[in-house]
């Protein structure tokens, strides 16, 4: 059954030439891929990492999605939530009765709300 994508010649020497050409072409493509990857890796290395947010609001699950906890930006106890400003964190701590300050990173102490 003939291959509809690439009609190949019946002669062995012609097939071997095509095979060699494909090997050389593939080697060129591989070299180019390596060069592009090296450029992208170097660009990524030179790109400064964004600074972590100073404050972090963790939201609960459910329909209301109210703030549940407040964290400092360095706290790694959760990855749910959104970056926040100092003012918004203070506002949440003062106005949302159910929100708690993370007991691990202690943002309330860092904000100067409690002396510990």
N, C-alpha and C. Protein backbone atom coordinates (compact mmCIF):
# COMPACT_ATOMS: atom_id res chain seq x y z
N UNK A 1 0.85 -1.17 0.00
CA UNK A 1 0.00 0.00 0.00
C UNK A 1 0.90 1.23 0.00
N UNK A 2 0.71 2.14 -0.94
CA UNK A 2 1.55 3.33 -1.00
C UNK A 2 1.22 4.31 0.12
N UNK A 3 2.26 5.02 0.57
CA UNK A 3 2.09 6.03 1.62
C UNK A 3 1.65 7.34 0.97
N UNK A 4 0.47 7.87 1.32
CA UNK A 4 -0.03 9.08 0.66
C UNK A 4 0.73 10.34 1.06
N UNK A 5 1.46 10.30 2.18
CA UNK A 5 2.14 11.51 2.64
C UNK A 5 3.45 11.77 1.90
N UNK A 6 4.20 10.74 1.64
CA UNK A 6 5.52 10.92 1.03
C UNK A 6 5.81 9.76 0.09
N UNK A 7 5.64 9.97 -1.20
CA UNK A 7 5.98 8.88 -2.13
C UNK A 7 7.50 8.70 -2.15
N UNK A 8 7.93 7.49 -1.91
CA UNK A 8 9.36 7.19 -1.84
C UNK A 8 9.79 6.41 -3.08
N UNK A 9 11.04 6.63 -3.50
CA UNK A 9 11.52 5.90 -4.67
C UNK A 9 11.77 4.43 -4.31
N UNK A 10 11.75 3.58 -5.30
CA UNK A 10 11.96 2.15 -5.03
C UNK A 10 13.43 1.76 -4.90
N UNK A 11 14.35 2.59 -5.36
CA UNK A 11 15.77 2.22 -5.39
C UNK A 11 16.40 2.41 -4.01
N UNK A 12 17.19 1.41 -3.59
CA UNK A 12 17.83 1.44 -2.28
C UNK A 12 18.78 2.61 -2.14
N UNK A 13 19.59 2.88 -3.16
CA UNK A 13 20.56 3.98 -3.05
C UNK A 13 19.85 5.33 -2.89
N UNK A 14 18.73 5.51 -3.54
CA UNK A 14 17.97 6.76 -3.38
C UNK A 14 17.36 6.87 -1.98
N UNK A 15 16.87 5.75 -1.47
CA UNK A 15 16.31 5.75 -0.12
C UNK A 15 17.39 6.07 0.92
N UNK A 16 18.58 5.55 0.73
CA UNK A 16 19.69 5.82 1.65
C UNK A 16 20.10 7.30 1.61
N UNK A 17 20.05 7.90 0.43
CA UNK A 17 20.36 9.33 0.31
C UNK A 17 19.30 10.14 1.06
N UNK A 18 18.05 9.81 0.90
CA UNK A 18 16.97 10.52 1.59
C UNK A 18 17.12 10.36 3.10
N UNK A 19 17.45 9.14 3.52
CA UNK A 19 17.64 8.89 4.96
C UNK A 19 18.76 9.75 5.51
N UNK A 20 19.87 9.83 4.80
CA UNK A 20 21.01 10.63 5.27
C UNK A 20 20.64 12.12 5.32
N UNK A 21 19.90 12.58 4.30
CA UNK A 21 19.48 13.98 4.29
C UNK A 21 18.57 14.28 5.49
N UNK A 22 17.69 13.36 5.80
CA UNK A 22 16.82 13.54 6.96
C UNK A 22 17.61 13.54 8.26
N UNK A 23 18.61 12.67 8.38
CA UNK A 23 19.46 12.66 9.57
C UNK A 23 20.18 13.99 9.75
N UNK A 24 20.74 14.52 8.66
CA UNK A 24 21.44 15.80 8.73
C UNK A 24 20.49 16.94 9.06
N UNK A 25 19.31 16.92 8.48
CA UNK A 25 18.32 17.95 8.76
C UNK A 25 17.87 17.88 10.22
N UNK A 26 17.65 16.68 10.71
CA UNK A 26 17.25 16.52 12.11
C UNK A 26 18.36 17.01 13.04
N UNK A 27 19.60 16.73 12.69
CA UNK A 27 20.72 17.21 13.52
C UNK A 27 20.75 18.73 13.55
N UNK A 28 20.50 19.37 12.42
CA UNK A 28 20.46 20.84 12.37
C UNK A 28 19.32 21.38 13.23
N UNK A 29 18.18 20.74 13.15
CA UNK A 29 17.02 21.17 13.95
C UNK A 29 17.34 21.00 15.44
N UNK A 30 17.93 19.87 15.81
CA UNK A 30 18.30 19.64 17.22
C UNK A 30 19.29 20.69 17.72
N UNK A 31 20.27 21.04 16.89
CA UNK A 31 21.24 22.08 17.27
C UNK A 31 20.54 23.42 17.46
N UNK A 32 19.61 23.72 16.59
CA UNK A 32 18.88 24.98 16.70
C UNK A 32 18.00 25.00 17.95
N UNK A 33 17.38 23.88 18.25
CA UNK A 33 16.56 23.77 19.47
C UNK A 33 17.44 24.01 20.69
N UNK A 34 18.63 23.39 20.72
CA UNK A 34 19.54 23.59 21.85
C UNK A 34 19.95 25.05 21.99
N UNK A 35 20.22 25.71 20.87
CA UNK A 35 20.62 27.12 20.91
C UNK A 35 19.48 27.99 21.42
N UNK A 36 18.27 27.74 20.96
CA UNK A 36 17.12 28.53 21.40
C UNK A 36 16.86 28.29 22.89
N UNK A 37 16.96 27.05 23.34
CA UNK A 37 16.78 26.76 24.76
C UNK A 37 17.82 27.47 25.61
N UNK A 38 19.07 27.48 25.15
CA UNK A 38 20.13 28.16 25.90
C UNK A 38 19.84 29.65 26.02
N UNK A 39 19.38 30.26 24.93
CA UNK A 39 19.04 31.69 24.97
C UNK A 39 17.89 31.93 25.94
N UNK A 40 16.86 31.09 25.89
CA UNK A 40 15.71 31.26 26.78
C UNK A 40 16.10 31.05 28.24
N UNK A 41 16.96 30.07 28.52
CA UNK A 41 17.40 29.84 29.89
C UNK A 41 18.22 31.01 30.40
N UNK A 42 19.09 31.55 29.56
CA UNK A 42 19.89 32.71 29.96
C UNK A 42 18.99 33.92 30.21
N UNK A 43 18.01 34.12 29.37
CA UNK A 43 17.07 35.22 29.55
C UNK A 43 16.30 35.05 30.86
N UNK A 44 15.89 33.82 31.16
CA UNK A 44 15.16 33.56 32.40
C UNK A 44 16.06 33.78 33.61
N UNK A 45 17.33 33.41 33.50
CA UNK A 45 18.27 33.60 34.60
C UNK A 45 18.49 35.09 34.86
N UNK A 46 18.55 35.88 33.81
CA UNK A 46 18.80 37.31 33.97
C UNK A 46 17.57 38.08 34.42
N UNK A 47 16.39 37.52 34.19
CA UNK A 47 15.15 38.19 34.57
C UNK A 47 15.05 38.19 36.09
N UNK A 48 14.91 39.37 36.68
CA UNK A 48 14.81 39.40 38.14
C UNK A 48 13.50 38.77 38.60
N UNK A 49 13.58 38.06 39.69
CA UNK A 49 12.38 37.47 40.26
C UNK A 49 11.54 38.56 40.91
N UNK A 50 10.24 38.49 40.74
CA UNK A 50 9.41 39.50 41.40
C UNK A 50 9.50 39.34 42.91
N UNK A 51 9.48 40.47 43.58
CA UNK A 51 9.51 40.41 45.04
C UNK A 51 8.20 39.83 45.55
N UNK A 52 8.27 39.02 46.59
CA UNK A 52 7.02 38.49 47.13
C UNK A 52 6.20 39.63 47.73
N UNK A 53 4.89 39.48 47.74
CA UNK A 53 4.08 40.54 48.34
C UNK A 53 4.39 40.66 49.83
N UNK A 54 4.25 41.83 50.35
CA UNK A 54 4.52 42.05 51.78
C UNK A 54 3.45 41.40 52.65
N UNK A 55 2.22 41.37 52.14
CA UNK A 55 1.08 40.82 52.88
C UNK A 55 0.26 39.94 51.97
N UNK A 56 -0.47 39.01 52.57
CA UNK A 56 -1.21 38.01 51.82
C UNK A 56 -2.53 37.75 52.51
N UNK A 57 -3.63 37.81 51.75
CA UNK A 57 -4.95 37.48 52.29
C UNK A 57 -5.38 36.12 51.76
N UNK A 58 -5.62 35.21 52.67
CA UNK A 58 -6.12 33.88 52.31
C UNK A 58 -7.64 33.90 52.43
N UNK A 59 -8.29 33.41 51.39
CA UNK A 59 -9.75 33.42 51.37
C UNK A 59 -10.30 32.04 51.65
N UNK A 60 -11.46 32.01 52.28
CA UNK A 60 -12.13 30.75 52.54
C UNK A 60 -12.74 30.18 51.27
N UNK A 61 -13.28 28.99 51.38
CA UNK A 61 -13.95 28.38 50.24
C UNK A 61 -15.45 28.57 50.39
N UNK A 62 -16.14 28.48 49.30
CA UNK A 62 -17.58 28.65 49.35
C UNK A 62 -18.03 29.86 48.58
N UNK A 63 -19.30 30.16 48.70
CA UNK A 63 -19.91 31.23 47.91
C UNK A 63 -19.40 32.60 48.35
N UNK A 64 -19.32 32.85 49.63
CA UNK A 64 -18.98 34.19 50.10
C UNK A 64 -17.50 34.51 49.89
N UNK A 65 -16.63 33.52 50.03
CA UNK A 65 -15.19 33.68 49.86
C UNK A 65 -14.66 34.89 50.63
N UNK A 66 -15.03 34.96 51.90
CA UNK A 66 -14.53 36.01 52.76
C UNK A 66 -13.08 35.72 53.14
N UNK A 67 -12.32 36.75 53.50
CA UNK A 67 -10.97 36.49 53.99
C UNK A 67 -11.01 35.60 55.22
N UNK A 68 -10.13 34.63 55.27
CA UNK A 68 -10.10 33.70 56.40
C UNK A 68 -8.87 33.93 57.27
N UNK A 69 -7.71 34.18 56.62
CA UNK A 69 -6.47 34.41 57.36
C UNK A 69 -5.66 35.51 56.69
N UNK A 70 -4.83 36.11 57.50
CA UNK A 70 -3.89 37.11 57.02
C UNK A 70 -2.49 36.56 57.24
N UNK A 71 -1.62 36.73 56.24
CA UNK A 71 -0.25 36.22 56.32
C UNK A 71 0.73 37.31 55.92
N UNK A 72 1.97 37.13 56.33
CA UNK A 72 3.03 37.95 55.75
C UNK A 72 3.37 37.35 54.39
N UNK A 73 4.05 38.10 53.57
CA UNK A 73 4.36 37.63 52.22
C UNK A 73 5.29 36.44 52.19
N UNK A 74 6.09 36.26 53.22
CA UNK A 74 7.05 35.15 53.24
C UNK A 74 6.44 33.84 53.75
N UNK A 75 5.25 33.90 54.29
CA UNK A 75 4.62 32.71 54.85
C UNK A 75 4.30 31.71 53.74
N UNK A 76 4.64 30.45 53.96
CA UNK A 76 4.42 29.42 52.95
C UNK A 76 3.39 28.39 53.41
N UNK A 77 2.54 28.76 54.35
CA UNK A 77 1.55 27.82 54.86
C UNK A 77 0.42 27.60 53.85
N UNK A 78 0.23 28.55 52.94
CA UNK A 78 -0.84 28.43 51.96
C UNK A 78 -0.41 29.05 50.64
N UNK A 79 -1.06 28.60 49.57
CA UNK A 79 -0.84 29.25 48.28
C UNK A 79 -2.18 29.78 47.73
N UNK A 80 -3.20 29.72 48.55
CA UNK A 80 -4.49 30.29 48.15
C UNK A 80 -4.55 31.72 48.65
N UNK A 81 -5.10 32.58 47.87
CA UNK A 81 -5.28 33.94 48.31
C UNK A 81 -4.75 34.93 47.31
N UNK A 82 -4.60 36.17 47.80
CA UNK A 82 -4.18 37.26 46.93
C UNK A 82 -3.22 38.17 47.69
N UNK A 83 -2.30 38.80 46.96
CA UNK A 83 -1.44 39.80 47.60
C UNK A 83 -2.31 40.96 48.10
N UNK A 84 -1.82 41.59 49.15
CA UNK A 84 -2.60 42.69 49.74
C UNK A 84 -1.67 43.80 50.21
N UNK A 85 -2.23 44.96 50.41
CA UNK A 85 -1.47 46.08 50.95
C UNK A 85 -1.60 46.07 52.47
N UNK A 86 -0.75 46.82 53.12
CA UNK A 86 -0.79 46.94 54.57
C UNK A 86 -2.16 47.48 55.01
N UNK A 87 -2.64 48.48 54.30
CA UNK A 87 -3.91 49.10 54.67
C UNK A 87 -5.07 48.11 54.54
N UNK A 88 -5.07 47.31 53.46
CA UNK A 88 -6.17 46.36 53.30
C UNK A 88 -6.10 45.25 54.35
N UNK A 89 -4.90 44.84 54.72
CA UNK A 89 -4.76 43.82 55.77
C UNK A 89 -5.26 44.37 57.10
N UNK A 90 -4.88 45.60 57.42
CA UNK A 90 -5.35 46.21 58.67
C UNK A 90 -6.87 46.34 58.67
N UNK A 91 -7.41 46.75 57.53
CA UNK A 91 -8.86 46.89 57.42
C UNK A 91 -9.57 45.55 57.63
N UNK A 92 -9.05 44.49 57.03
CA UNK A 92 -9.66 43.16 57.17
C UNK A 92 -9.56 42.70 58.62
N UNK A 93 -8.42 42.88 59.24
CA UNK A 93 -8.26 42.45 60.64
C UNK A 93 -9.21 43.22 61.57
N UNK A 94 -9.50 44.45 61.24
CA UNK A 94 -10.37 45.26 62.10
C UNK A 94 -11.85 45.04 61.83
N UNK A 95 -12.22 44.69 60.59
CA UNK A 95 -13.64 44.68 60.24
C UNK A 95 -14.25 43.30 60.03
N UNK A 96 -13.45 42.30 59.74
CA UNK A 96 -14.00 40.96 59.50
C UNK A 96 -13.76 40.14 60.76
N UNK A 97 -14.80 39.88 61.53
CA UNK A 97 -14.61 39.21 62.82
C UNK A 97 -14.08 37.78 62.71
N UNK A 98 -14.36 37.10 61.60
CA UNK A 98 -13.95 35.70 61.50
C UNK A 98 -12.50 35.53 61.03
N UNK A 99 -11.87 36.58 60.57
CA UNK A 99 -10.50 36.45 60.04
C UNK A 99 -9.52 36.30 61.20
N UNK A 100 -8.49 35.48 60.99
CA UNK A 100 -7.46 35.31 62.01
C UNK A 100 -6.10 35.61 61.39
N UNK A 101 -5.20 36.03 62.24
CA UNK A 101 -3.82 36.22 61.82
C UNK A 101 -3.13 34.86 61.88
N UNK A 102 -2.34 34.55 60.88
CA UNK A 102 -1.65 33.25 60.84
C UNK A 102 -0.79 33.08 62.08
N UNK A 103 -0.94 31.96 62.79
CA UNK A 103 -0.14 31.76 64.00
C UNK A 103 1.33 31.42 63.68
N UNK A 104 1.61 31.09 62.45
CA UNK A 104 2.99 30.76 62.08
C UNK A 104 3.81 32.01 61.77
N UNK A 105 3.29 32.88 60.91
CA UNK A 105 4.07 34.04 60.48
C UNK A 105 3.77 35.29 61.31
N UNK A 106 2.70 35.29 62.09
CA UNK A 106 2.35 36.36 63.02
C UNK A 106 2.31 37.75 62.38
N UNK A 107 1.44 37.96 61.37
CA UNK A 107 1.37 39.28 60.76
C UNK A 107 0.86 40.36 61.71
N UNK A 108 0.06 39.97 62.72
CA UNK A 108 -0.46 40.96 63.66
C UNK A 108 0.68 41.59 64.46
N UNK A 109 1.67 40.79 64.82
CA UNK A 109 2.83 41.33 65.53
C UNK A 109 3.65 42.25 64.61
N UNK A 110 3.82 41.82 63.38
CA UNK A 110 4.60 42.61 62.43
C UNK A 110 3.88 43.93 62.10
N UNK A 111 2.56 43.91 62.13
CA UNK A 111 1.80 45.12 61.88
C UNK A 111 1.76 46.04 63.10
N UNK A 112 2.21 45.54 64.23
CA UNK A 112 2.21 46.34 65.45
C UNK A 112 0.88 46.32 66.17
N UNK A 113 0.03 45.35 65.87
CA UNK A 113 -1.27 45.27 66.55
C UNK A 113 -1.15 44.66 67.92
N UNK A 114 -0.23 43.72 68.11
CA UNK A 114 -0.04 43.05 69.38
C UNK A 114 1.43 43.02 69.71
N UNK A 115 1.74 43.20 70.92
CA UNK A 115 3.15 43.04 71.34
C UNK A 115 3.32 41.61 71.81
N UNK A 116 4.37 40.96 71.28
CA UNK A 116 4.62 39.60 71.73
C UNK A 116 6.08 39.37 71.94
